[in-house]
Structures are given as C-alpha cells and as structure tokens.
C-alpha cells in the first residue's frame, strides 16, 4: 500500500507475532494488548500512559497523567511535561532550509487516480501532483501510528540525502468536531468521554514524534540511544481546522455553544503537548469570508491571543493557518463578486487586517495560507459555499516566496481530490452545502477519493501542471 525508502520503525505499528518485541516496538500502555516482553538488550520504556516502547537504555518513569477530565476545567498554563530543558525553536520561518516531505498516502491516491485516466496528456499532468507536498491528516485516532512510519521514512531520506526534512500534519479530532456542519463529524462525543479521548489522541501523536525525533525530547528520556545521534526531523502542524473560528461566529448553533469549553481546552492541550516535542503549530483561523469581515476581526484576534496566553505562550506556537480547504486567492487581481461588500476580499487583505489586531493583544502571529484549490475565482454562488465547489483548479504551488513578511509559506493543506462531503441526501453526514448548485455532484463521503473532482482540479490548474 505505502511505498517507503525504509521500513525503520514499522515494527512499532503492527501487532507483534513473536513473544518478544524488537527495538522501537510497543510493549505496553493503556488499552494495549500485545506482548510486553522486549528483545534481549532492550528495556520497555514508558513514553506516556498509553505508549510504552522497547528501547536501549534504562526504564523511564511515567509522566503525570493529564489525559482525563471531569469537565470543562480551566486549561493548564504549563507547557512542560518534564523538569528538564525544553526544545528551543529556531528564530524565523520554520520552512526555511527544509525540504517538505511528500505524503506517501497521497502519492498512492494520486497513482491510483492516474491509472484510471484514459487521456494521456491529462494523466501525465495528474501524475505530477504526487510530487507536490500536502499535509497528512490525522482525523481519527486509528491513523496516528502511521505517523511514526512517515517520520521514520523522512529520517531515512534525510540521512541518505543530507537534506533536512519537514513533515506536515493536521491535528483534527476534537470531540463534537465540525459543530456548525455535518459532513465531517468526528469520532468523539463530548458526552461520551470525548475530551479525555482527545487528550489521549494528542498524547499518541506526541509519542510518535518523540520516538523518531528524539533529539528534541526533554531530559526525562535523555538516555534514549538515538538522542543527538541524528539531526531532527521538523514537524509543522495545522491544529483543528474550523474549530475556533466557529467560536467567533457560530455560538448561536447549539452544538457549537455546547462545544466551546471542550474546544478551548482541547486545543490548548494540543498546543502545549506539541510544544514539548518541538512541533511548529499553526491554529486554523478560517478565511477572509469567515473571520475577515471587519466586525469579526477584533473578536477573532482576542480569541487567538487568549489561547496563546492561556497555553503559556508556547515557544513553538508559530501562528495561524488560513483558507484551509477553501478557495480564496492569496492575492486576487479583483474582488470575486461574492465577496462584496467586504473590503478584505482575499487572504492577504484578511491577514493584513488581522495581524495588527493580534499584535496589539500580544500575539506576534505568522501565517501559512492554503492555496491548493484556489486557482479559479467566480465559481461560487455565495462566499460560504465550501463543499466540492465545481470548476475549481489546483492553485499556487507550495513556496516560501509569499510576498509578505507575515506569511511563512503558501501550502496545500487539503489534499486535492479528497471529497469535502457527500451529495447523497440520504446519508447520515449529508450537509446541504454539498447539494448546492455550486457543488460538483455526485460526491462521495468526506475524506474519500473523488476521481472526477481530482481530474477537474488537474485540468483547471493555474499555473498549469
């Protein structure tokens, strides 16, 4: 299924078929049912309550558990899980000096799509998309173990080429997720231990990163054999698309009002935990047509500044991500008619308007902007149309040449070709936006492959593929 240059660490991701677990393999933790015996010369180290691992060196004491909650308590302000030193971020843009790791999962999706295209010219263009970096989404907890495989592969590439590697991920599994829509409802419910489950999910992500990127981890596990042996793999995360933006505009929706405390505590927890392993985080900030309206700028800036402060001003909390999975241009030559009367009619106008509001509240934010599907304007019936918008095309390729000191990188967060939501009106997760005239139909469930949509994105790409 996946094609990697190395299978280093894969033993940690599959059930053990022998009585002893090899190096890097899981050997314990809450809900773990496999072997707890390590190969000779290895010790079962406690990484966290949910993940114990066979490593060379002494046993590590388990951290204090913070993966359960009895309700919407005030988020903790400490960003440290150890009394030892924390990693220190590089000054400036985290993308500079790094090659972006190509998602093997997306490469496999693209390869399968290309094989189904009969037009040779279109197929050749489509094949090139596999060489464009996209973010890897962890939208269910079951996908988290694959992160270790990707990081190990990136480490192998870094070692063989001498070129620094950066892995892009999306943290996306809040309880009662997608509170103002239906297409991407998640697996956790606030009413059914959802916040504790979410913290466990975050802990598992952190454990995967600590295992492979161990030069960054705190003194609690400095006896890991790989400590300082390899240069670090850099990880950049977009944290929880759509969540906090809903807290600015959609608290009139009962589900969003009920999720406010859990969203705030969950995102705060994620930022703090990711900070301990040196992940550069960008929290999702909607887009120009959502929070970019003048009346929303101040409340949005206050929300993000409060998050930054309440999380303890984490040193790796870099800023905000905009236009995730949306269709706005970064720099539009003229306003799309649907943007009237908002003067912030594209992402650069939105960012330039939001940045001083953030700075005045003590949050020196930088931005990344998704341009994966933003090639074509004038294709929406309303600015709020977000589901599989017809006639879209692949947009500006990922780059750090953004034309703005506020913007670290143009990125592709949404893997183009994966559906936004189903057009089947009988489906449990059907959302009316996916049945609008501007939405391409028929469309499959959110996150699944939409072949016709992918081919359209390829054909309409600007610049051309």
Protein backbone atom coordinates (compact mmCIF):
# COMPACT_ATOMS: atom_id res chain seq x y z
CA UNK A 1 0.00 0.00 0.00
CA UNK A 2 2.57 2.57 1.12
CA UNK A 3 5.92 2.88 -0.62
CA UNK A 4 8.83 3.91 1.57
CA UNK A 5 12.57 4.03 1.24
CA UNK A 6 12.84 2.44 4.66
CA UNK A 7 10.70 0.40 7.00
CA UNK A 8 12.54 1.64 10.08
CA UNK A 9 10.19 1.66 13.00
CA UNK A 10 7.39 -0.23 11.25
CA UNK A 11 7.54 -2.92 13.90
CA UNK A 12 6.06 -0.37 16.28
CA UNK A 13 2.97 -0.05 14.17
CA UNK A 14 1.74 -3.62 13.76
CA UNK A 15 0.81 -6.32 16.28
CA UNK A 16 3.67 -8.48 17.45
CA UNK A 17 3.71 -12.03 16.09
CA UNK A 18 6.50 -13.23 18.42
CA UNK A 19 6.72 -13.27 22.16
CA UNK A 20 9.44 -10.62 22.21
CA UNK A 21 9.15 -7.12 20.79
CA UNK A 22 12.02 -5.60 18.82
CA UNK A 23 13.60 -2.17 19.12
CA UNK A 24 11.11 0.71 18.67
CA UNK A 25 8.18 -1.69 19.17
CA UNK A 26 5.26 -1.03 21.54
CA UNK A 27 5.40 -3.08 24.72
CA UNK A 28 2.66 -1.63 26.91
CA UNK A 29 0.28 1.18 27.75
CA UNK A 30 -3.40 1.68 28.47
CA UNK A 31 -5.58 -0.47 26.17
CA UNK A 32 -2.50 -2.21 24.70
CA UNK A 33 -2.99 -5.98 24.33
CA UNK A 34 0.24 -7.17 22.70
CA UNK A 35 3.45 -8.60 24.07
CA UNK A 36 5.14 -6.75 26.94
CA UNK A 37 8.48 -8.56 26.59
CA UNK A 38 11.32 -6.84 24.73
CA UNK A 39 14.16 -8.49 22.82
CA UNK A 40 17.42 -9.07 24.68
CA UNK A 41 19.25 -5.84 25.42
CA UNK A 42 16.10 -3.72 25.23
CA UNK A 43 14.01 -2.22 28.03
CA UNK A 44 10.31 -1.38 27.94
CA UNK A 45 10.34 2.40 28.42
CA UNK A 46 7.24 4.34 29.46
CA UNK A 47 6.80 7.16 26.92
CA UNK A 48 3.37 8.08 28.27
CA UNK A 49 0.41 6.30 29.89
CA UNK A 50 -0.72 4.96 26.52
CA UNK A 51 2.55 4.17 24.82
CA UNK A 52 5.44 2.07 26.19
CA UNK A 53 8.28 1.23 23.82
CA UNK A 54 11.21 -1.20 23.60
CA UNK A 55 14.40 0.86 23.56
CA UNK A 56 18.03 0.60 24.54
CA UNK A 57 18.64 2.19 27.93
CA UNK A 58 17.05 2.42 31.34
CA UNK A 59 13.39 2.50 32.16
CA UNK A 60 11.77 5.91 32.09
CA UNK A 61 9.31 6.93 34.79
CA UNK A 62 5.80 7.57 33.51
CA UNK A 63 4.69 11.17 33.28
CA UNK A 64 1.87 12.52 35.39
CA UNK A 65 -1.34 11.68 33.56
CA UNK A 66 -3.42 14.54 32.26
CA UNK A 67 -5.42 12.61 29.71
CA UNK A 68 -8.73 12.63 31.56
CA UNK A 69 -11.08 15.39 32.54
CA UNK A 70 -14.26 15.63 34.52
CA UNK A 71 -15.45 18.68 32.64
CA UNK A 72 -14.53 22.00 31.10
CA UNK A 73 -11.91 22.99 33.64
CA UNK A 74 -9.54 25.92 33.19
CA UNK A 75 -6.73 24.80 30.85
CA UNK A 76 -3.32 24.33 32.47
CA UNK A 77 -0.77 27.03 31.77
CA UNK A 78 2.39 24.93 31.93
CA UNK A 79 3.88 23.91 28.59
CA UNK A 80 6.27 21.41 30.10
CA UNK A 81 5.81 17.75 30.95
CA UNK A 82 9.27 17.49 32.47
CA UNK A 83 11.53 19.35 34.82
CA UNK A 84 14.24 19.11 32.19
CA UNK A 85 15.02 21.58 29.40
CA UNK A 86 12.53 22.12 26.62
CA UNK A 87 13.46 22.29 22.94
CA UNK A 88 14.15 25.75 21.60
CA UNK A 89 12.61 26.92 18.31
CA UNK A 90 14.71 28.38 15.55
CA UNK A 91 14.17 32.07 15.02
CA UNK A 92 12.24 32.95 11.90
CA UNK A 93 10.33 30.94 9.32
CA UNK A 94 10.31 27.20 10.17
CA UNK A 95 10.05 26.28 6.49
CA UNK A 96 13.36 27.87 5.52
CA UNK A 97 16.15 25.35 4.98
CA UNK A 98 13.89 22.29 4.86
CA UNK A 99 12.53 20.06 2.10
CA UNK A 100 8.86 19.25 2.63
CA UNK A 101 8.24 15.52 2.93
CA UNK A 102 5.86 14.10 0.34
CA UNK A 103 2.88 12.24 1.77
CA UNK A 104 3.10 8.56 0.72
CA UNK A 105 -0.62 8.18 1.37
CA UNK A 106 -1.48 10.97 -1.05
CA UNK A 107 1.06 9.69 -3.56
CA UNK A 108 -0.72 6.34 -3.56
CA UNK A 109 -4.10 8.07 -4.03
CA UNK A 110 -2.74 10.03 -6.96
CA UNK A 111 -1.15 6.95 -8.53
CA UNK A 112 -4.46 5.10 -8.39
CA UNK A 113 -6.23 8.10 -9.88
CA UNK A 114 -3.74 8.38 -12.74
CA UNK A 115 -4.28 4.73 -13.65
CA UNK A 116 -7.97 5.49 -14.15
CA UNK A 117 -7.38 8.42 -16.57
CA UNK A 118 -7.56 7.45 -20.24
CA UNK A 119 -6.33 10.77 -21.65
CA UNK A 120 -2.50 10.51 -21.78
CA UNK A 121 -1.91 14.26 -21.55
CA UNK A 122 -4.21 14.64 -18.56
CA UNK A 123 -2.71 11.55 -16.94
CA UNK A 124 0.80 12.99 -17.24
CA UNK A 125 -0.30 16.22 -15.59
CA UNK A 126 -2.12 14.31 -12.89
CA UNK A 127 0.94 12.19 -12.12
CA UNK A 128 2.96 15.32 -11.36
CA UNK A 129 0.65 16.15 -8.45
CA UNK A 130 2.26 13.36 -6.41
CA UNK A 131 5.42 15.48 -6.29
CA UNK A 132 3.64 18.45 -4.67
CA UNK A 133 3.72 18.37 -0.85
CA UNK A 134 0.43 18.23 1.02
CA UNK A 135 -0.40 17.91 4.70
CA UNK A 136 -1.14 14.49 6.19
CA UNK A 137 -4.46 14.49 8.08
CA UNK A 138 -4.91 12.56 11.32
CA UNK A 139 -8.69 12.75 11.53
CA UNK A 140 -9.18 9.55 13.53
CA UNK A 141 -7.06 8.07 16.28
CA UNK A 142 -6.54 4.84 14.32
CA UNK A 143 -4.34 6.71 11.82
CA UNK A 144 -1.90 8.01 14.43
CA UNK A 145 0.50 5.02 14.41
CA UNK A 146 1.26 5.69 10.73
CA UNK A 147 2.85 8.98 11.76
CA UNK A 148 5.79 7.03 13.14
CA UNK A 149 6.21 5.32 9.77
CA UNK A 150 6.21 8.63 7.91
CA UNK A 151 8.69 10.17 10.33
CA UNK A 152 10.99 7.18 10.05
CA UNK A 153 10.84 7.41 6.28
CA UNK A 154 11.61 11.13 6.40
CA UNK A 155 14.55 10.40 8.71
CA UNK A 156 15.88 7.86 6.23
CA UNK A 157 15.59 10.38 3.40
CA UNK A 158 17.36 12.99 5.50
CA UNK A 159 20.19 10.62 6.31
CA UNK A 160 20.65 9.45 2.72
CA UNK A 161 20.44 12.87 1.07
CA UNK A 162 21.78 15.19 3.75
CA UNK A 163 18.77 17.46 3.17
CA UNK A 164 16.64 18.47 6.15
CA UNK A 165 13.11 17.09 6.06
CA UNK A 166 9.89 18.74 7.29
CA UNK A 167 6.72 16.69 7.82
CA UNK A 168 3.36 18.49 7.67
CA UNK A 169 0.43 17.14 9.69
CA UNK A 170 -3.13 18.14 10.54
CA UNK A 171 -4.35 17.53 14.08
CA UNK A 172 -8.09 17.07 13.62
CA UNK A 173 -10.13 15.01 16.09
CA UNK A 174 -11.81 17.32 18.61
CA UNK A 175 -14.92 15.94 20.33
CA UNK A 176 -18.14 17.11 18.64
CA UNK A 177 -15.99 18.21 15.71
CA UNK A 178 -17.37 20.31 12.84
CA UNK A 179 -20.01 21.76 15.14
CA UNK A 180 -21.70 24.02 12.56
CA UNK A 181 -21.75 21.49 9.72
CA UNK A 182 -22.45 17.81 9.18
CA UNK A 183 -20.06 16.49 6.54
CA UNK A 184 -17.01 15.91 8.75
CA UNK A 185 -18.44 14.95 12.13
CA UNK A 186 -15.72 13.18 14.11
CA UNK A 187 -15.41 10.04 16.18
CA UNK A 188 -15.52 11.57 19.69
CA UNK A 189 -18.51 12.93 21.57
CA UNK A 190 -18.20 15.35 24.47
CA UNK A 191 -21.00 13.48 26.22
CA UNK A 192 -19.09 10.19 25.96
CA UNK A 193 -15.67 10.96 27.46
CA UNK A 194 -14.73 12.88 24.32
CA UNK A 195 -12.31 15.37 25.84
CA UNK A 196 -10.33 12.66 27.61
CA UNK A 197 -10.27 10.63 24.40
CA UNK A 198 -8.99 13.65 22.53
CA UNK A 199 -6.18 14.19 25.01
CA UNK A 200 -5.23 10.54 24.59
CA UNK A 201 -5.19 11.08 20.81
CA UNK A 202 -2.85 14.07 21.24
CA UNK A 203 -0.63 12.08 23.60
CA UNK A 204 -0.27 9.35 20.99
CA UNK A 205 0.75 11.89 18.32
CA UNK A 206 3.35 13.34 20.69
CA UNK A 207 4.67 9.86 21.49
CA UNK A 208 5.16 9.08 17.80
CA UNK A 209 7.07 12.32 17.29
CA UNK A 210 9.19 11.84 20.41
CA UNK A 211 10.13 8.35 19.28
CA UNK A 212 11.56 9.39 15.91
CA UNK A 213 12.57 12.97 16.61
CA UNK A 214 14.20 12.16 19.92
CA UNK A 215 16.89 14.88 19.79
CA UNK A 216 14.07 17.26 20.69
CA UNK A 217 12.64 15.49 23.72
CA UNK A 218 13.06 16.57 27.31
CA UNK A 219 15.55 15.25 29.84
CA UNK A 220 13.04 12.65 31.04
CA UNK A 221 14.21 10.38 28.22
CA UNK A 222 17.74 11.60 27.55
CA UNK A 223 19.02 8.05 27.82
CA UNK A 224 17.40 7.09 24.53
CA UNK A 225 20.08 5.57 22.34
CA UNK A 226 19.25 7.86 19.43
CA UNK A 227 19.50 11.09 21.42
CA UNK A 228 21.63 13.56 19.44
CA UNK A 229 22.63 10.80 17.02
CA UNK A 230 20.65 12.24 14.11
CA UNK A 231 19.58 15.74 13.07
CA UNK A 232 15.97 16.37 13.96
CA UNK A 233 13.02 15.90 11.65
CA UNK A 234 10.99 19.08 11.74
CA UNK A 235 7.20 18.78 12.16
CA UNK A 236 4.68 21.51 11.31
CA UNK A 237 1.07 21.08 12.39
CA UNK A 238 -2.18 22.77 11.46
CA UNK A 239 -4.32 22.41 14.57
CA UNK A 240 -8.05 21.74 14.30
CA UNK A 241 -9.49 23.26 11.10
CA UNK A 242 -12.79 25.12 11.61
CA UNK A 243 -12.92 24.69 15.38
CA UNK A 244 -12.06 28.05 16.92
CA UNK A 245 -13.47 30.07 14.04
CA UNK A 246 -16.84 28.61 14.99
CA UNK A 247 -16.35 30.05 18.46
CA UNK A 248 -16.33 33.55 16.92
CA UNK A 249 -19.36 33.34 14.64
CA UNK A 250 -21.45 30.25 15.39
CA UNK A 251 -22.18 30.17 19.11
CA UNK A 252 -25.84 30.59 18.16
CA UNK A 253 -25.62 26.97 16.97
CA UNK A 254 -26.41 24.77 19.97
CA UNK A 255 -23.74 22.20 19.18
CA UNK A 256 -21.06 24.92 18.94
CA UNK A 257 -22.17 26.58 22.17
CA UNK A 258 -22.01 23.20 23.88
CA UNK A 259 -18.53 22.54 22.47
CA UNK A 260 -16.95 25.86 23.39
CA UNK A 261 -15.26 24.76 26.61
CA UNK A 262 -14.08 21.44 25.18
CA UNK A 263 -12.72 23.05 22.01
CA UNK A 264 -10.80 25.64 24.02
CA UNK A 265 -9.37 23.15 26.49
CA UNK A 266 -8.62 20.58 23.79
CA UNK A 267 -6.76 23.00 21.51
CA UNK A 268 -4.85 24.43 24.47
CA UNK A 269 -3.81 20.94 25.49
CA UNK A 270 -2.71 20.10 21.93
CA UNK A 271 -0.58 23.24 21.66
CA UNK A 272 1.09 22.61 25.00
CA UNK A 273 1.85 18.96 24.28
CA UNK A 274 3.06 19.57 20.73
CA UNK A 275 5.33 22.28 22.09
CA UNK A 276 7.17 19.76 24.29
CA UNK A 277 8.41 17.88 21.21
CA UNK A 278 9.18 20.95 19.13
CA UNK A 279 6.25 20.94 16.71
CA UNK A 280 5.68 24.28 14.99
CA UNK A 281 1.92 24.82 15.31
CA UNK A 282 -0.48 26.98 13.34
CA UNK A 283 -4.06 27.12 14.61
CA UNK A 284 -6.74 27.32 11.94
CA UNK A 285 -8.21 30.82 11.54
CA UNK A 286 -10.90 30.33 8.92
CA UNK A 287 -10.61 32.56 5.86
CA UNK A 288 -11.36 36.04 4.58
CA UNK A 289 -15.02 35.28 4.03
CA UNK A 290 -15.43 33.95 7.56
CA UNK A 291 -13.36 35.89 10.10
CA UNK A 292 -12.19 38.53 7.63
CA UNK A 293 -15.31 40.67 7.95
CA UNK A 294 -14.43 43.86 9.89
CA UNK A 295 -16.84 43.04 12.71
CA UNK A 296 -15.15 39.66 13.27
CA UNK A 297 -11.52 40.79 13.30
CA UNK A 298 -11.40 42.08 16.88
CA UNK A 299 -13.23 39.12 18.46
CA UNK A 300 -11.13 36.68 16.44
CA UNK A 301 -7.88 38.36 17.47
CA UNK A 302 -8.98 38.34 21.11
CA UNK A 303 -9.80 34.62 20.94
CA UNK A 304 -6.43 33.69 19.44
CA UNK A 305 -4.49 35.99 21.77
CA UNK A 306 -6.27 34.47 24.78
CA UNK A 307 -5.45 30.99 23.51
CA UNK A 308 -1.79 31.94 23.17
CA UNK A 309 -1.67 33.39 26.67
CA UNK A 310 -3.67 30.65 28.38
CA UNK A 311 -1.46 28.00 26.81
CA UNK A 312 1.54 29.67 28.43
CA UNK A 313 2.81 31.40 25.26
CA UNK A 314 4.27 28.17 23.83
CA UNK A 315 7.51 28.91 22.02
CA UNK A 316 6.64 26.69 19.04
CA UNK A 317 3.11 28.11 18.61
CA UNK A 318 4.02 29.95 15.41
CA UNK A 319 0.70 31.44 14.32
CA UNK A 320 -2.38 30.85 12.21
CA UNK A 321 -3.40 28.94 9.10
CA UNK A 322 -5.95 30.48 6.74
CA UNK A 323 -8.08 29.30 3.82
CA UNK A 324 -7.71 25.64 4.80
CA UNK A 325 -9.67 23.53 2.29
CA UNK A 326 -11.17 26.72 0.86
CA UNK A 327 -10.99 28.54 -2.45
CA UNK A 328 -9.87 32.15 -1.85
CA UNK A 329 -6.85 33.52 -3.66
CA UNK A 330 -4.00 34.92 -1.63
CA UNK A 331 -3.78 37.95 -3.93
CA UNK A 332 -6.87 38.42 -6.10
CA UNK A 333 -6.44 40.85 -9.01
CA UNK A 334 -10.01 42.00 -8.38
CA UNK A 335 -12.72 41.04 -5.89
CA UNK A 336 -14.78 37.95 -6.61
CA UNK A 337 -18.39 39.22 -6.85
CA UNK A 338 -19.44 37.02 -3.91
CA UNK A 339 -17.04 38.87 -1.58
CA UNK A 340 -18.92 42.17 -1.72
CA UNK A 341 -19.11 44.31 0.41
CA UNK A 342 -16.14 43.01 2.44
CA UNK A 343 -13.01 45.07 1.72
CA UNK A 344 -10.93 42.08 2.88
CA UNK A 345 -11.81 40.15 -0.26
CA UNK A 346 -8.78 37.82 -0.38
CA UNK A 347 -6.40 36.22 2.09
CA UNK A 348 -3.71 38.90 2.00
CA UNK A 349 -6.25 41.60 2.84
CA UNK A 350 -7.57 39.42 5.67
CA UNK A 351 -4.08 38.72 7.05
CA UNK A 352 -3.02 42.36 6.80
CA UNK A 353 -6.16 43.37 8.71
CA UNK A 354 -5.90 40.66 11.38
CA UNK A 355 -2.16 40.87 12.11
CA UNK A 356 -2.17 44.28 13.84
CA UNK A 357 -5.18 43.23 15.91
CA UNK A 358 -3.19 40.21 17.08
CA UNK A 359 -0.02 42.19 17.74
CA UNK A 360 -1.86 44.75 19.84
CA UNK A 361 -3.01 41.89 22.06
CA UNK A 362 0.45 40.40 22.49
CA UNK A 363 0.33 37.61 19.90
CA UNK A 364 3.09 38.03 17.26
CA UNK A 365 1.47 35.65 14.81
CA UNK A 366 2.75 34.49 11.45
CA UNK A 367 0.65 32.72 8.85
CA UNK A 368 0.51 29.91 6.34
CA UNK A 369 -2.10 30.02 3.58
CA UNK A 370 -3.69 27.08 1.76
CA UNK A 371 -3.81 27.64 -2.00
CA UNK A 372 -4.37 24.03 -3.03
CA UNK A 373 -7.73 24.62 -4.73
CA UNK A 374 -7.72 28.37 -5.28
CA UNK A 375 -6.89 28.71 -8.97
CA UNK A 376 -10.31 29.76 -10.25
CA UNK A 377 -12.48 32.57 -8.89
CA UNK A 378 -16.08 33.49 -9.70
CA UNK A 379 -17.30 29.91 -9.29
CA UNK A 380 -19.28 30.16 -6.04
CA UNK A 381 -22.87 31.20 -5.66
CA UNK A 382 -22.06 32.60 -2.23
CA UNK A 383 -18.84 33.10 -0.29
CA UNK A 384 -19.93 30.49 2.22
CA UNK A 385 -20.04 27.72 -0.41
CA UNK A 386 -17.33 25.30 0.70
CA UNK A 387 -18.29 21.80 -0.41
CA UNK A 388 -16.63 20.40 -3.56
CA UNK A 389 -17.03 23.69 -5.41
CA UNK A 390 -17.37 22.95 -9.12
CA UNK A 391 -14.88 24.25 -11.70
CA UNK A 392 -12.10 24.71 -9.11
CA UNK A 393 -8.46 24.10 -10.02
CA UNK A 394 -5.16 23.42 -8.32
CA UNK A 395 -3.58 26.73 -7.29
CA UNK A 396 -0.19 28.21 -6.48
CA UNK A 397 2.37 25.55 -5.59
CA UNK A 398 3.78 25.46 -2.06
CA UNK A 399 6.53 28.03 -1.61
CA UNK A 400 8.15 30.34 0.91
CA UNK A 401 8.19 33.14 -1.69
CA UNK A 402 4.97 34.65 -0.40
CA UNK A 403 5.49 38.37 -0.96
CA UNK A 404 4.67 39.11 2.68
CA UNK A 405 6.79 39.05 5.82
CA UNK A 406 3.67 37.93 7.71
CA UNK A 407 3.27 34.74 5.66
CA UNK A 408 5.75 31.92 6.23
CA UNK A 409 4.56 29.74 3.38
CA UNK A 410 1.94 29.04 0.78
CA UNK A 411 0.90 25.43 1.39
CA UNK A 412 -1.53 22.76 0.27
CA UNK A 413 -3.29 21.66 3.46
CA UNK A 414 -6.26 19.99 1.76
CA UNK A 415 -5.17 17.02 -0.39
CA UNK A 416 -6.85 17.85 -3.68
CA UNK A 417 -9.11 15.02 -4.83
CA UNK A 418 -10.38 14.04 -1.39
CA UNK A 419 -14.06 14.93 -1.06
CA UNK A 420 -15.41 17.63 1.24
CA UNK A 421 -18.67 15.76 1.80
CA UNK A 422 -21.27 13.56 0.18
CA UNK A 423 -24.06 14.77 -2.10
CA UNK A 424 -26.20 11.77 -1.13
CA UNK A 425 -29.18 13.36 0.61
CA UNK A 426 -29.96 10.09 2.43
CA UNK A 427 -26.52 9.86 4.05
CA UNK A 428 -26.20 10.48 7.80
CA UNK A 429 -23.45 13.04 7.20
CA UNK A 430 -25.14 14.82 4.30
CA UNK A 431 -24.74 18.59 4.54
CA UNK A 432 -26.89 20.91 2.45
CA UNK A 433 -23.83 22.77 1.19
CA UNK A 434 -22.86 19.61 -0.70
CA UNK A 435 -26.15 19.74 -2.59
CA UNK A 436 -25.88 23.37 -3.72
CA UNK A 437 -25.77 24.28 -7.38
CA UNK A 438 -22.10 25.27 -6.99
CA UNK A 439 -21.13 21.82 -5.63
CA UNK A 440 -19.89 19.13 -8.00
CA UNK A 441 -22.05 16.01 -7.90
CA UNK A 442 -22.29 13.12 -7.34
CA UNK A 443 -19.79 13.30 -4.49
CA UNK A 444 -18.66 10.63 -2.00
CA UNK A 445 -18.27 10.96 1.77
CA UNK A 446 -15.83 13.48 3.23
CA UNK A 447 -12.21 12.36 3.06
CA UNK A 448 -12.77 9.68 0.43
CA UNK A 449 -11.42 9.91 -3.11
CA UNK A 450 -13.44 11.88 -5.66
CA UNK A 451 -11.98 10.96 -9.04
CA UNK A 452 -13.96 13.38 -11.18
CA UNK A 453 -13.08 16.23 -8.84
CA UNK A 454 -9.38 15.41 -8.96
CA UNK A 455 -9.38 15.34 -12.76
CA UNK A 456 -11.14 18.72 -12.79
CA UNK A 457 -8.56 20.22 -10.42
CA UNK A 458 -5.78 18.98 -12.70
CA UNK A 459 -7.41 20.34 -15.87
CA UNK A 460 -8.11 23.75 -14.31
CA UNK A 461 -4.76 24.22 -12.54
CA UNK A 462 -3.21 27.71 -12.53
CA UNK A 463 -0.34 27.69 -13.21
CA UNK A 464 -0.86 24.70 -15.45
CA UNK A 465 0.61 21.40 -14.38
